Amino acid sequence: MAPDAWSYTSGTSDAPLLGLTIGDMFDRTATRYADNEALVSRHQNLRYTYRQLQREVDRAARALIALGVEKGQRVGIWAPNCAEWTITQFATSKLGAILVNINPSYRLNEVQYALRQSGCTWLVTAPGFKTSDYTGMIHELTPELAGSQPGTLKSANFPNLRGVVRLGEEPSPGMLGWSALLALAERVGADDLARRQRQQEFDDPINIQFTSGTTGYPKGATLSHHNILNNGYFTTELLRFTDRDRLLIPVPLYHCFGMVMGNLGCVTHGATMIYPSDGFDATAVLEAAQAERATALYGVPTMFIAELNHPDFARYDLSTLRTGIMAGSPCPVEVMKQVTSLMNMRDVAIAYGMTETSPVSTQTRIGAPLAKQVGTVGQVHPHVQIKIVDPQTGQVVPVGERGELCTRGYSVMLGYWDNDEATRVAIDPARWMHTGDLATMDDEGYLNIVGRIKDMIIRGGENVYPREIEEFLYSHPAVQDVQVIGVPDEKYGEEIMAWVKLREGQAATPEEIRDYCRGKIAHYKIPRHVRFVDAFPMTVTGKVQKFLMREESVKALGLEKAAAVKMA
């Protein structure tokens, strides 16, 4: 780039975009690599070759047809990492049913919103996860379920919902067990499935992933086959994946990291998907890396920190690892260096993106100088465009100047489900996705994320929007006003802090505020720090100055050391 160049770059590639649906890609891989190990779910003691996985996927797809699931209808999945999650992912992709990913950490209010907003016709759910009783919550939300036959549900809460499929063998009133679901496949022939599969186009919507917005209400990013299949493909292409690679996936499948970068990245190359456990466990990851001779590992920085600090880290043989991705939140440079050296992941990459962009827009390249590999979020992805613009004027800024990162290309979502207004705000008429992130671009096209326009907190890889927590805390009878900010944290990158103004004559303690949240919002959204104040720092126009709140909180909590940690 010339010294006076503008902050614009486009990703060239010798590899063309894949013009396939996910189902067709899956079948192509299953034919070509039939005997390759496709999926290992260690905590379930399940292993499938691609031929065996194809058989299970087709069986589940035919069963869903038997239930009456049609192209374009939404099928929700609420479960931690497991084989059934992946089987459902590929089964729905063959039918053209839109898979709705529901965060395993969601509680009552959140799952209610997700099901209602997406209009799910069926929900596939685990019995529960950690402290969450999914079955109990579903029965609470749909009291009509217990007295209905599977497929005949008439719910006042969810007018589109016809039934619930429950993983595992333990029966639950009104729910269809997983085995009972699969048994329905006998009613539908292979020709019927093939016909349904042929009716799809790669630009059709196939996935909804919820991402919170500045309004506080989650928005369903609607993604096509073309969006996520190609993003999974090029993400792993840049890692130089082949059919001999074996990828450890401890990141959640409900998120793009697991479902797209993990599952689809493997399937496009004939590589192996390995789930060490249902949720992240450092011991399970290290054991799986050794036992399965993994070649690649994904994770957010907190996961890698936990693995590196494991008391028995030195006894595990990680010699087969060579690559992987660290993403989800800013990574301390020193941690990145330890991952490359101590974990043998010399070709580890940093990736940047957002759910709305399928997700990856930039990625560091194998062989890049160390300073670029650990100190930037890489260069633009193949077939993607990036520009940095002045947030006020929308004009592209010169190289080196900060501005809002915008991206355009195949990876930009179709839009937010049933929310045209939010879509228009996010995607401009020229199809540029405005990320809300502040970035700089150097003269080689390397990107650095330097801040956020939008008021988002990234806690351990989870995107948390203060407004959502604020609106919930407003319902506390003692709370008059509340402002939520992120403060630095050495373990999670950022932690949640609530500044609370109490009603006159009311009293509360930080623990009482946290207790009010438990069981009602996801655990990672519960404020770790609570401060009671009489007022908030304001501008003359009455806008809350959250940056001043953050600066004051860093000093008051003694977080200067965490704030000083250099992030990639």
Protein backbone atom coordinates (compact mmCIF):
# COMPACT_ATOMS: atom_id res chain seq x y z
CA MET A 1 0.00 0.00 0.00
CA ALA A 2 1.13 3.54 -0.69
CA PRO A 3 1.81 5.78 2.29
CA ASP A 4 -1.32 7.79 1.54
CA ALA A 5 -3.48 4.72 1.00
CA TRP A 6 -6.95 4.38 2.38
CA SER A 7 -8.00 1.76 4.92
CA TYR A 8 -9.59 -0.66 2.49
CA THR A 9 -8.60 -4.21 1.61
CA SER A 10 -10.15 -7.17 -0.19
CA GLY A 11 -9.32 -10.83 0.20
CA THR A 12 -8.11 -12.47 -3.00
CA SER A 13 -8.06 -16.25 -3.31
CA ASP A 14 -7.17 -18.98 -5.78
CA ALA A 15 -9.90 -21.10 -4.19
CA PRO A 16 -13.42 -20.30 -5.41
CA LEU A 17 -16.43 -20.03 -3.13
CA LEU A 18 -18.34 -23.28 -2.59
CA GLY A 19 -21.63 -23.17 -4.48
CA LEU A 20 -23.21 -25.98 -2.45
CA THR A 21 -25.76 -26.46 0.26
CA ILE A 22 -24.47 -27.83 3.54
CA GLY A 23 -26.27 -31.14 2.96
CA ASP A 24 -24.67 -31.60 -0.47
CA MET A 25 -21.24 -30.75 0.92
CA PHE A 26 -21.73 -33.24 3.74
CA ASP A 27 -22.71 -36.00 1.31
CA ARG A 28 -19.75 -35.23 -0.95
CA THR A 29 -17.35 -35.53 1.99
CA ALA A 30 -19.06 -38.67 3.33
CA THR A 31 -18.57 -40.33 -0.07
CA ARG A 32 -14.98 -39.21 -0.50
CA TYR A 33 -13.82 -39.91 3.07
CA ALA A 34 -16.30 -42.63 4.06
CA ASP A 35 -13.92 -44.47 6.39
CA ASN A 36 -12.37 -41.41 7.99
CA GLU A 37 -13.33 -40.84 11.59
CA ALA A 38 -15.85 -38.00 11.42
CA LEU A 39 -17.02 -37.44 14.98
CA VAL A 40 -15.75 -38.44 18.41
CA SER A 41 -17.88 -37.48 21.42
CA ARG A 42 -15.68 -38.67 24.27
CA HIS A 43 -18.03 -37.96 27.17
CA GLN A 44 -20.71 -40.02 25.39
CA ASN A 45 -18.28 -42.75 24.29
CA LEU A 46 -19.50 -42.33 20.70
CA ARG A 47 -17.47 -42.61 17.49
CA TYR A 48 -18.62 -42.30 13.89
CA THR A 49 -16.91 -42.61 10.56
CA TYR A 50 -18.24 -40.33 7.86
CA ARG A 51 -20.23 -43.25 6.45
CA GLN A 52 -21.75 -43.98 9.87
CA LEU A 53 -22.45 -40.32 10.59
CA GLN A 54 -24.15 -39.94 7.22
CA ARG A 55 -26.42 -42.86 8.09
CA GLU A 56 -27.41 -41.20 11.41
CA VAL A 57 -27.90 -37.79 9.82
CA ASP A 58 -30.12 -39.19 7.08
CA ARG A 59 -32.10 -41.16 9.65
CA ALA A 60 -32.71 -38.04 11.73
CA ALA A 61 -33.62 -36.04 8.61
CA ARG A 62 -36.20 -38.62 7.53
CA ALA A 63 -37.60 -38.66 11.08
CA LEU A 64 -38.03 -34.88 11.03
CA ILE A 65 -39.87 -35.19 7.71
CA ALA A 66 -42.14 -37.74 9.37
CA LEU A 67 -42.89 -35.14 12.07
CA GLY A 68 -44.05 -32.78 9.34
CA VAL A 69 -41.07 -30.40 9.45
CA GLU A 70 -41.04 -28.29 6.27
CA LYS A 71 -38.46 -26.16 4.50
CA GLY A 72 -38.15 -22.75 6.17
CA GLN A 73 -39.67 -23.87 9.48
CA ARG A 74 -37.54 -23.32 12.57
CA VAL A 75 -36.20 -26.15 14.70
CA GLY A 76 -34.63 -25.04 17.97
CA ILE A 77 -31.79 -26.87 19.70
CA TRP A 78 -31.05 -26.31 23.36
CA ALA A 79 -28.24 -28.57 24.47
CA PRO A 80 -24.56 -28.61 25.38
CA ASN A 81 -22.00 -30.22 23.05
CA CYS A 82 -23.03 -33.73 22.07
CA ALA A 83 -23.33 -35.96 19.00
CA GLU A 84 -27.08 -35.33 18.75
CA TRP A 85 -26.43 -31.60 18.37
CA THR A 86 -24.31 -32.21 15.29
CA ILE A 87 -26.66 -34.82 13.86
CA THR A 88 -29.51 -32.31 14.22
CA GLN A 89 -27.38 -29.60 12.58
CA PHE A 90 -26.79 -31.63 9.43
CA ALA A 91 -30.23 -33.25 9.40
CA THR A 92 -31.99 -29.87 9.37
CA SER A 93 -29.60 -28.62 6.70
CA LYS A 94 -30.72 -31.44 4.41
CA LEU A 95 -34.39 -30.52 4.85
CA GLY A 96 -33.96 -26.79 4.57
CA ALA A 97 -35.33 -26.37 8.09
CA ILE A 98 -33.74 -23.41 9.85
CA LEU A 99 -31.79 -24.47 12.95
CA VAL A 100 -32.22 -22.07 15.87
CA ASN A 101 -29.25 -22.18 18.25
CA ILE A 102 -30.20 -21.64 21.89
CA ASN A 103 -27.45 -20.87 24.37
CA PRO A 104 -27.12 -23.68 26.97
CA SER A 105 -26.73 -20.98 29.65
CA TYR A 106 -30.11 -19.44 28.90
CA ARG A 107 -32.65 -19.38 31.67
CA LEU A 108 -36.41 -19.05 31.68
CA ASN A 109 -36.86 -15.52 30.31
CA GLU A 110 -34.17 -15.91 27.68
CA VAL A 111 -35.32 -19.23 26.24
CA GLN A 112 -38.89 -17.97 26.19
CA TYR A 113 -37.82 -14.98 24.10
CA ALA A 114 -35.71 -17.10 21.71
CA LEU A 115 -38.50 -19.61 21.03
CA ARG A 116 -41.16 -16.95 20.62
CA GLN A 117 -39.13 -14.58 18.46
CA SER A 118 -37.93 -17.29 16.06
CA GLY A 119 -41.30 -19.05 15.91
CA CYS A 120 -39.89 -22.56 16.39
CA THR A 121 -42.16 -25.45 15.37
CA TRP A 122 -40.06 -28.05 17.18
CA LEU A 123 -37.49 -27.90 19.96
CA VAL A 124 -34.74 -30.48 20.47
CA THR A 125 -33.53 -30.24 24.04
CA ALA A 126 -31.21 -31.91 26.52
CA PRO A 127 -32.76 -32.80 29.90
CA GLY A 128 -30.55 -30.15 31.49
CA PHE A 129 -27.03 -28.85 31.83
CA LYS A 130 -25.06 -28.01 34.97
CA THR A 131 -27.54 -26.28 37.29
CA SER A 132 -30.17 -25.72 34.61
CA ASP A 133 -33.21 -28.00 34.49
CA TYR A 134 -34.25 -27.62 30.84
CA THR A 135 -37.13 -30.08 31.17
CA GLY A 136 -38.55 -28.23 34.16
CA MET A 137 -38.27 -24.86 32.45
CA ILE A 138 -39.97 -26.13 29.29
CA HIS A 139 -42.85 -27.57 31.29
CA GLU A 140 -43.14 -24.27 33.15
CA LEU A 141 -43.30 -22.36 29.86
CA THR A 142 -45.68 -24.86 28.21
CA PRO A 143 -48.02 -26.24 30.89
CA GLU A 144 -50.11 -27.75 28.06
CA LEU A 145 -47.23 -30.04 27.04
CA ALA A 146 -47.68 -32.72 29.71
CA GLY A 147 -51.24 -33.46 28.55
CA SER A 148 -50.55 -33.55 24.81
CA GLN A 149 -49.30 -36.16 22.39
CA PRO A 150 -45.99 -35.38 20.61
CA GLY A 151 -46.69 -33.17 17.62
CA THR A 152 -50.07 -31.92 18.83
CA LEU A 153 -48.99 -29.21 21.27
CA LYS A 154 -51.16 -26.09 21.36
CA SER A 155 -49.24 -23.63 23.51
CA ALA A 156 -50.60 -20.25 24.54
CA ASN A 157 -47.03 -19.04 24.99
CA PHE A 158 -45.69 -20.36 21.67
CA PRO A 159 -48.38 -20.59 18.99
CA ASN A 160 -45.99 -22.12 16.41
CA LEU A 161 -44.53 -24.82 18.67
CA ARG A 162 -45.88 -28.29 17.89
CA GLY A 163 -43.65 -30.47 20.04
CA VAL A 164 -40.45 -31.12 21.96
CA VAL A 165 -37.80 -33.81 21.37
CA ARG A 166 -35.90 -34.73 24.51
CA LEU A 167 -32.41 -36.21 24.32
CA GLY A 168 -31.72 -39.28 26.42
CA GLU A 169 -33.96 -42.22 27.18
CA GLU A 170 -35.74 -41.04 30.34
CA PRO A 171 -39.37 -40.26 29.43
CA SER A 172 -41.00 -36.91 30.13
CA PRO A 173 -44.72 -36.19 29.72
CA GLY A 174 -45.60 -34.89 26.26
CA MET A 175 -42.01 -35.04 24.97
CA LEU A 176 -40.70 -37.33 22.25
CA GLY A 177 -37.54 -39.24 23.16
CA TRP A 178 -34.56 -39.20 20.78
CA SER A 179 -34.84 -42.93 20.04
CA ALA A 180 -38.57 -42.58 19.44
CA LEU A 181 -37.83 -39.75 17.02
CA LEU A 182 -35.32 -41.82 15.05
CA ALA A 183 -37.79 -44.72 14.86
CA LEU A 184 -40.11 -42.48 12.83
CA ALA A 185 -37.55 -42.53 10.00
CA GLU A 186 -39.03 -45.83 8.79
CA ARG A 187 -42.09 -43.91 7.58
CA VAL A 188 -40.07 -41.86 5.09
CA GLY A 189 -38.03 -43.21 2.18
CA ALA A 190 -34.59 -42.13 1.02
CA ASP A 191 -36.13 -40.77 -2.19
CA ASP A 192 -38.32 -38.37 -0.18
CA LEU A 193 -35.25 -37.04 1.60
CA ALA A 194 -33.30 -36.69 -1.65
CA ARG A 195 -36.18 -34.74 -3.17
CA ARG A 196 -36.29 -32.36 -0.22
CA GLN A 197 -32.55 -31.87 -0.42
CA ARG A 198 -32.72 -30.98 -4.13
CA GLN A 199 -35.32 -28.28 -3.44
CA GLN A 200 -32.80 -26.10 -1.63
CA GLU A 201 -30.58 -23.28 -2.84
CA PHE A 202 -27.33 -22.32 -1.18
CA ASP A 203 -28.62 -18.78 -0.53
CA ASP A 204 -31.56 -20.10 1.52
CA PRO A 205 -31.57 -19.32 5.26
CA ILE A 206 -30.47 -22.31 7.32
CA ASN A 207 -29.47 -21.02 10.75
CA ILE A 208 -30.50 -18.42 13.33
CA GLN A 209 -28.03 -17.45 16.03
CA PHE A 210 -29.03 -14.99 18.70
CA THR A 211 -26.82 -12.04 19.43
CA SER A 212 -27.78 -9.32 21.87
CA GLY A 213 -28.16 -5.76 20.71
CA THR A 214 -27.86 -2.33 22.22
CA THR A 215 -31.61 -2.35 22.81
CA GLY A 216 -31.09 -5.18 25.22
CA TYR A 217 -33.19 -7.62 23.27
CA PRO A 218 -31.47 -10.49 21.45
CA LYS A 219 -31.59 -10.40 17.66
CA GLY A 220 -31.57 -13.51 15.51
CA ALA A 221 -28.78 -13.30 12.95
CA THR A 222 -30.12 -15.24 9.96
CA LEU A 223 -27.41 -17.13 8.09
CA SER A 224 -27.50 -19.01 4.79
CA HIS A 225 -25.81 -22.20 3.63
CA HIS A 226 -23.48 -19.98 1.59
CA ASN A 227 -22.61 -17.82 4.59
CA ILE A 228 -21.52 -20.45 7.04
CA LEU A 229 -20.35 -23.27 4.78
CA ASN A 230 -17.82 -21.03 3.05
CA ASN A 231 -16.71 -19.39 6.28
CA GLY A 232 -16.03 -22.76 7.88
CA TYR A 233 -14.18 -23.84 4.74
CA PHE A 234 -11.91 -20.81 4.43
CA THR A 235 -11.20 -20.59 8.16
CA THR A 236 -9.74 -24.09 8.11
CA GLU A 237 -8.18 -23.62 4.66
CA LEU A 238 -6.04 -20.90 6.21
CA LEU A 239 -5.03 -23.42 8.91
CA ARG A 240 -4.02 -25.77 6.06
CA PHE A 241 -6.49 -28.45 7.11
CA THR A 242 -6.57 -31.82 5.34
CA ASP A 243 -8.53 -35.02 5.85
CA ARG A 244 -5.83 -36.12 8.33
CA ASP A 245 -6.52 -33.33 10.80
CA ARG A 246 -8.22 -34.00 14.11
CA LEU A 247 -9.80 -30.95 15.73
CA LEU A 248 -10.60 -30.62 19.44
CA ILE A 249 -13.78 -28.55 19.86
CA PRO A 250 -14.27 -27.54 23.52
CA VAL A 251 -16.02 -24.31 22.45
CA PRO A 252 -19.84 -24.46 22.45
CA LEU A 253 -21.64 -25.72 19.35
CA TYR A 254 -24.48 -23.21 19.76
CA HIS A 255 -21.92 -20.52 18.85
CA CYS A 256 -20.36 -19.92 15.43
CA PHE A 257 -17.00 -20.94 16.88
CA GLY A 258 -18.13 -24.52 17.41
CA MET A 259 -20.78 -24.99 14.76
CA VAL A 260 -19.15 -23.14 11.85
CA MET A 261 -15.42 -22.86 12.44
CA GLY A 262 -15.45 -26.29 14.09
CA ASN A 263 -18.05 -28.61 12.56
CA LEU A 264 -18.27 -27.09 9.08
CA GLY A 265 -14.54 -26.46 8.97
CA CYS A 266 -13.97 -30.19 9.52
CA VAL A 267 -16.71 -31.43 7.21
CA THR A 268 -15.46 -29.34 4.26
CA HIS A 269 -12.06 -31.09 4.58
CA GLY A 270 -12.95 -34.60 5.73
CA ALA A 271 -11.30 -33.91 9.10
CA THR A 272 -12.35 -35.26 12.51
CA MET A 273 -14.55 -33.38 15.02
CA ILE A 274 -13.67 -34.22 18.64
CA TYR A 275 -15.79 -33.13 21.63
CA PRO A 276 -13.81 -33.57 24.86
CA SER A 277 -16.83 -32.98 27.12
CA ASP A 278 -20.30 -31.43 27.15
CA GLY A 279 -18.96 -28.13 28.53
CA PHE A 280 -15.45 -26.82 28.87
CA ASP A 281 -13.18 -28.80 31.18
CA ALA A 282 -9.42 -28.26 30.99
CA THR A 283 -8.61 -31.80 32.12
CA ALA A 284 -10.89 -33.30 29.46
CA VAL A 285 -9.24 -31.15 26.77
CA LEU A 286 -5.71 -32.17 27.72
CA GLU A 287 -6.68 -35.84 28.03
CA ALA A 288 -8.40 -35.75 24.64
CA ALA A 289 -5.46 -34.00 22.99
CA GLN A 290 -3.21 -36.81 24.09
CA ALA A 291 -5.53 -39.80 23.65
CA GLU A 292 -6.97 -38.72 20.30
CA ARG A 293 -3.67 -37.40 18.90
CA ALA A 294 -5.34 -34.13 18.08
CA THR A 295 -3.67 -31.86 15.52
CA ALA A 296 -5.72 -28.73 16.22
CA LEU A 297 -7.45 -27.05 19.16
CA TYR A 298 -9.92 -24.20 19.39
CA GLY A 299 -10.62 -21.98 22.35
CA VAL A 300 -11.20 -18.55 23.80
CA PRO A 301 -8.28 -17.10 25.79
CA THR A 302 -9.71 -18.17 29.17
CA MET A 303 -9.75 -21.79 27.99
CA PHE A 304 -6.13 -21.71 26.92
CA ILE A 305 -5.17 -20.02 30.21
CA ALA A 306 -6.93 -22.80 32.15
CA GLU A 307 -5.13 -25.48 30.13
CA LEU A 308 -1.72 -23.85 30.53
CA ASN A 309 -2.26 -23.48 34.29
CA HIS A 310 -3.53 -27.04 34.81
CA PRO A 311 -1.58 -28.60 37.71
CA ASP A 312 -0.71 -31.65 35.60
CA PHE A 313 -0.09 -29.77 32.35
CA ALA A 314 3.50 -31.02 32.01
CA ARG A 315 2.54 -34.69 32.00
CA TYR A 316 0.31 -34.49 28.93
CA ASP A 317 1.77 -35.27 25.50
CA LEU A 318 0.69 -32.45 23.19
CA SER A 319 3.26 -33.20 20.51
CA THR A 320 0.65 -33.91 17.80
CA LEU A 321 -0.86 -30.40 18.06
CA ARG A 322 0.21 -27.95 15.36
CA THR A 323 -2.56 -25.41 14.86
CA GLY A 324 -5.86 -24.03 16.08
CA ILE A 325 -7.67 -20.78 16.67
CA MET A 326 -7.89 -18.40 19.56
CA ALA A 327 -10.85 -16.06 19.27
CA GLY A 328 -13.87 -14.70 21.09
CA SER A 329 -12.13 -12.01 23.13
CA PRO A 330 -8.81 -10.16 23.16
CA CYS A 331 -5.88 -12.41 24.00
CA PRO A 332 -2.95 -11.41 26.19
CA VAL A 333 0.17 -11.51 24.02
CA GLU A 334 2.10 -13.54 26.62
CA VAL A 335 -0.60 -16.22 26.61
CA MET A 336 -0.38 -16.46 22.83
CA LYS A 337 3.38 -16.98 23.09
CA GLN A 338 2.91 -19.77 25.65
CA VAL A 339 0.36 -21.50 23.43
CA THR A 340 2.77 -21.53 20.50
CA SER A 341 5.66 -22.84 22.56
CA LEU A 342 4.35 -24.92 25.48
CA MET A 343 1.37 -26.42 23.64
CA ASN A 344 3.26 -27.01 20.40
CA MET A 345 0.69 -24.95 18.46
CA ARG A 346 3.26 -23.16 16.32
CA ASP A 347 0.64 -22.37 13.67
CA VAL A 348 -2.11 -21.12 15.99
CA ALA A 349 -4.20 -18.30 14.54
CA ILE A 350 -6.17 -15.40 15.93
CA ALA A 351 -9.53 -14.82 14.27
CA TYR A 352 -11.84 -11.84 14.45
CA GLY A 353 -15.47 -11.51 13.48
CA MET A 354 -19.03 -11.52 14.70
CA THR A 355 -22.05 -13.78 14.47
CA GLU A 356 -23.53 -11.52 11.80
CA THR A 357 -20.52 -12.21 9.53
CA SER A 358 -20.63 -16.02 9.79
CA PRO A 359 -18.34 -15.22 11.87
CA VAL A 360 -14.73 -14.75 10.67
CA SER A 361 -13.68 -11.62 8.76
CA THR A 362 -9.94 -11.54 9.55
CA GLN A 363 -7.42 -14.19 10.52
CA THR A 364 -3.68 -14.39 11.09
CA ARG A 365 -1.80 -16.48 8.55
CA ILE A 366 0.58 -19.38 9.08
CA GLY A 367 4.12 -18.11 8.67
CA ALA A 368 3.31 -14.50 9.56
CA PRO A 369 5.94 -12.65 11.62
CA LEU A 370 5.49 -13.28 15.34
CA ALA A 371 4.65 -9.63 16.01
CA LYS A 372 1.82 -9.83 13.48
CA GLN A 373 0.70 -13.27 14.63
CA VAL A 374 0.32 -12.30 18.28
CA GLY A 375 -0.21 -8.55 18.04
CA THR A 376 -2.98 -8.22 15.44
CA VAL A 377 -6.21 -9.94 14.41
CA GLY A 378 -4.68 -10.76 11.05
CA GLN A 379 -5.62 -9.87 7.51
CA VAL A 380 -8.87 -9.94 5.59
CA HIS A 381 -10.42 -13.34 4.81
CA PRO A 382 -10.63 -14.66 1.23
CA HIS A 383 -13.56 -13.20 -0.76
CA VAL A 384 -14.23 -10.62 1.98
CA GLN A 385 -13.80 -6.82 1.89
CA ILE A 386 -12.95 -4.57 4.83
CA LYS A 387 -12.87 -0.82 5.19
CA ILE A 388 -12.27 1.46 8.17
CA VAL A 389 -14.55 4.50 8.21
CA ASP A 390 -15.02 7.63 10.24
CA PRO A 391 -18.03 6.79 12.49
CA GLN A 392 -19.41 10.29 12.08
CA THR A 393 -19.05 10.81 8.32
CA GLY A 394 -18.88 7.26 6.99
CA GLN A 395 -15.83 8.15 4.91
CA VAL A 396 -12.91 5.74 4.60
CA VAL A 397 -9.98 6.87 6.78
CA PRO A 398 -6.30 6.83 5.81
CA VAL A 399 -4.14 3.84 6.76
CA GLY A 400 -3.18 3.96 10.44
CA GLU A 401 -6.15 6.03 11.58
CA ARG A 402 -8.81 4.53 13.79
CA GLY A 403 -12.40 4.19 12.68
CA GLU A 404 -15.30 1.78 12.55
CA LEU A 405 -14.57 -1.57 10.91
CA CYS A 406 -17.04 -2.46 8.17
CA THR A 407 -17.09 -5.70 6.19
CA ARG A 408 -18.80 -6.85 3.01
CA GLY A 409 -18.99 -10.11 1.08
CA TYR A 410 -20.49 -13.58 1.05
CA SER A 411 -20.18 -13.82 4.84
CA VAL A 412 -22.58 -10.99 5.73
CA MET A 413 -25.81 -12.39 7.17
CA LEU A 414 -29.10 -12.26 5.31
CA GLY A 415 -30.43 -10.05 8.09
CA TYR A 416 -31.95 -10.21 11.57
CA TRP A 417 -34.88 -12.58 11.76
CA ASP A 418 -38.19 -10.69 11.65
CA ASN A 419 -36.44 -7.39 12.44
CA ASP A 420 -36.07 -5.24 9.34
CA GLU A 421 -35.33 -2.09 11.32
CA ALA A 422 -32.33 -3.60 13.10
CA THR A 423 -31.13 -5.04 9.79
CA ARG A 424 -31.21 -1.61 8.15
CA VAL A 425 -29.18 -0.16 11.03
CA ALA A 426 -26.52 -2.89 10.79
CA ILE A 427 -26.24 -3.30 7.01
CA ASP A 428 -26.13 -0.21 4.83
CA PRO A 429 -27.59 -0.01 1.28
CA ALA A 430 -24.23 -1.04 -0.23
CA ARG A 431 -24.32 -4.26 1.93
CA TRP A 432 -21.56 -3.15 4.29
CA MET A 433 -21.95 -4.64 7.75
CA HIS A 434 -21.15 -2.03 10.39
CA THR A 435 -19.49 -3.92 13.24
CA GLY A 436 -19.45 -1.21 15.89
CA ASP A 437 -15.79 -2.05 16.55
CA LEU A 438 -13.02 0.56 16.32
CA ALA A 439 -10.00 -0.63 14.39
CA THR A 440 -6.86 0.42 12.58
CA MET A 441 -5.29 -1.01 9.43
CA ASP A 442 -1.57 -0.89 8.71
CA ASP A 443 0.10 -0.60 5.32
CA GLU A 444 0.20 -4.42 4.96
CA GLY A 445 -3.52 -4.79 5.65
CA TYR A 446 -3.14 -6.12 9.21
CA LEU A 447 -6.02 -5.15 11.49
CA ASN A 448 -6.01 -4.13 15.14
CA ILE A 449 -9.17 -3.83 17.20
CA VAL A 450 -8.69 -0.80 19.45
CA GLY A 451 -12.09 -0.30 21.02
CA ARG A 452 -15.85 -0.50 20.58
CA ILE A 453 -18.40 2.03 19.54
CA LYS A 454 -21.18 -0.17 20.80
CA ASP A 455 -21.33 -0.66 24.51
CA MET A 456 -20.50 -4.34 24.53
CA ILE A 457 -18.64 -6.36 27.15
CA ILE A 458 -16.74 -9.51 26.15
CA ARG A 459 -16.51 -11.80 29.18
CA GLY A 460 -14.60 -14.99 28.52
CA GLY A 461 -15.74 -15.18 24.92
CA GLU A 462 -19.38 -14.33 25.68
CA ASN A 463 -20.76 -11.09 24.25
CA VAL A 464 -22.68 -9.27 26.95
CA TYR A 465 -24.69 -6.13 26.29
CA PRO A 466 -25.16 -3.91 29.31
CA ARG A 467 -28.63 -2.76 28.30
CA GLU A 468 -30.02 -6.28 28.60
CA ILE A 469 -28.78 -6.60 32.20
CA GLU A 470 -29.87 -3.05 33.02
CA GLU A 471 -33.39 -3.71 31.83
CA PHE A 472 -33.56 -6.85 33.92
CA LEU A 473 -32.25 -5.12 37.06
CA TYR A 474 -34.81 -2.35 36.62
CA SER A 475 -37.38 -4.97 37.68
CA HIS A 476 -35.80 -5.20 41.15
CA PRO A 477 -38.15 -3.35 43.52
CA ALA A 478 -35.30 -1.48 45.26
CA VAL A 479 -33.55 -0.32 42.07
CA GLN A 480 -34.30 3.16 40.76
CA ASP A 481 -31.61 3.30 38.11
CA VAL A 482 -28.69 1.13 37.06
CA GLN A 483 -25.76 1.33 34.68
CA VAL A 484 -23.70 -1.72 33.72
CA ILE A 485 -20.10 -1.57 32.55
CA GLY A 486 -17.22 -3.93 31.87
CA VAL A 487 -14.14 -3.74 34.05
CA PRO A 488 -10.81 -5.46 33.32
CA ASP A 489 -10.30 -8.97 34.60
CA GLU A 490 -7.16 -11.09 34.27
CA LYS A 491 -9.09 -14.35 33.88
CA TYR A 492 -12.08 -13.39 31.73
CA GLY A 493 -10.73 -10.31 29.94
CA GLU A 494 -13.66 -8.30 31.27
CA GLU A 495 -16.09 -8.73 34.14
CA ILE A 496 -19.55 -7.34 34.74
CA MET A 497 -20.05 -4.41 37.10
CA ALA A 498 -23.32 -2.73 38.01
CA TRP A 499 -23.59 0.79 39.36
CA VAL A 500 -26.91 0.86 41.20
CA LYS A 501 -28.96 3.84 42.37
CA LEU A 502 -31.49 2.68 44.95
CA ARG A 503 -34.98 4.06 45.47
CA GLU A 504 -35.40 6.40 48.37
CA GLY A 505 -35.82 4.52 51.61
CA GLN A 506 -34.71 1.20 50.05
CA ALA A 507 -31.67 -0.85 50.96
CA ALA A 508 -29.84 -3.75 49.30
CA THR A 509 -26.49 -5.51 49.36
CA PRO A 510 -24.37 -6.61 46.40
CA GLU A 511 -25.15 -10.24 47.21
CA GLU A 512 -28.89 -9.53 47.23
CA ILE A 513 -28.58 -8.02 43.75
CA ARG A 514 -26.69 -11.09 42.53
CA ASP A 515 -29.19 -13.46 44.19
CA TYR A 516 -31.99 -11.67 42.34
CA CYS A 517 -30.27 -12.51 39.05
CA ARG A 518 -29.57 -16.18 39.72
CA GLY A 519 -31.79 -18.53 37.77
CA LYS A 520 -33.30 -15.67 35.78
CA ILE A 521 -30.42 -14.56 33.54
CA ALA A 522 -27.36 -16.48 32.34
CA HIS A 523 -24.62 -16.86 34.93
CA TYR A 524 -22.07 -14.92 32.89
CA LYS A 525 -24.38 -11.87 32.85
CA ILE A 526 -24.62 -11.68 36.65
CA PRO A 527 -22.62 -8.68 37.93
CA ARG A 528 -19.51 -9.73 39.79
CA HIS A 529 -19.08 -6.19 41.15
CA VAL A 530 -21.94 -4.07 42.47
CA ARG A 531 -21.51 -0.47 43.57
CA PHE A 532 -24.25 1.64 45.10
CA VAL A 533 -24.16 5.32 44.06
CA ASP A 534 -26.27 8.44 44.35
CA ALA A 535 -25.59 9.56 40.77
CA PHE A 536 -23.75 8.68 37.57
CA PRO A 537 -21.17 10.82 35.76
CA MET A 538 -23.07 12.66 33.04
CA THR A 539 -22.42 14.98 30.12
CA VAL A 540 -24.09 18.36 29.99
CA THR A 541 -26.63 16.83 27.62
CA GLY A 542 -27.52 14.15 30.14
CA LYS A 543 -25.67 11.19 28.66
CA VAL A 544 -24.03 8.74 31.07
CA GLN A 545 -20.24 8.71 30.68
CA LYS A 546 -19.44 5.05 31.06
CA PHE A 547 -15.75 5.52 30.32
CA LEU A 548 -15.46 7.66 33.46
CA MET A 549 -17.33 5.01 35.44
CA ARG A 550 -14.86 2.43 34.18
CA GLU A 551 -11.81 4.55 35.06
CA GLU A 552 -13.15 5.22 38.56
CA SER A 553 -14.02 1.54 39.06
CA VAL A 554 -10.56 0.37 38.01
CA LYS A 555 -9.05 2.57 40.73
CA ALA A 556 -11.66 1.71 43.39
CA LEU A 557 -11.35 -2.05 42.80
CA GLY A 558 -7.56 -2.04 42.43
CA LEU A 559 -7.70 -3.41 38.88
CA GLU A 560 -4.77 -1.43 37.49
CA LYS A 561 -2.75 -4.59 36.88
CA ALA A 562 -5.56 -6.25 34.91
CA ALA A 563 -6.13 -3.02 32.96
CA ALA A 564 -2.46 -2.92 31.98
CA VAL A 565 -2.39 -6.43 30.44
CA LYS A 566 -1.47 -6.07 26.77
CA MET A 567 -4.05 -7.65 24.49
CA ALA A 568 -3.66 -8.98 20.96
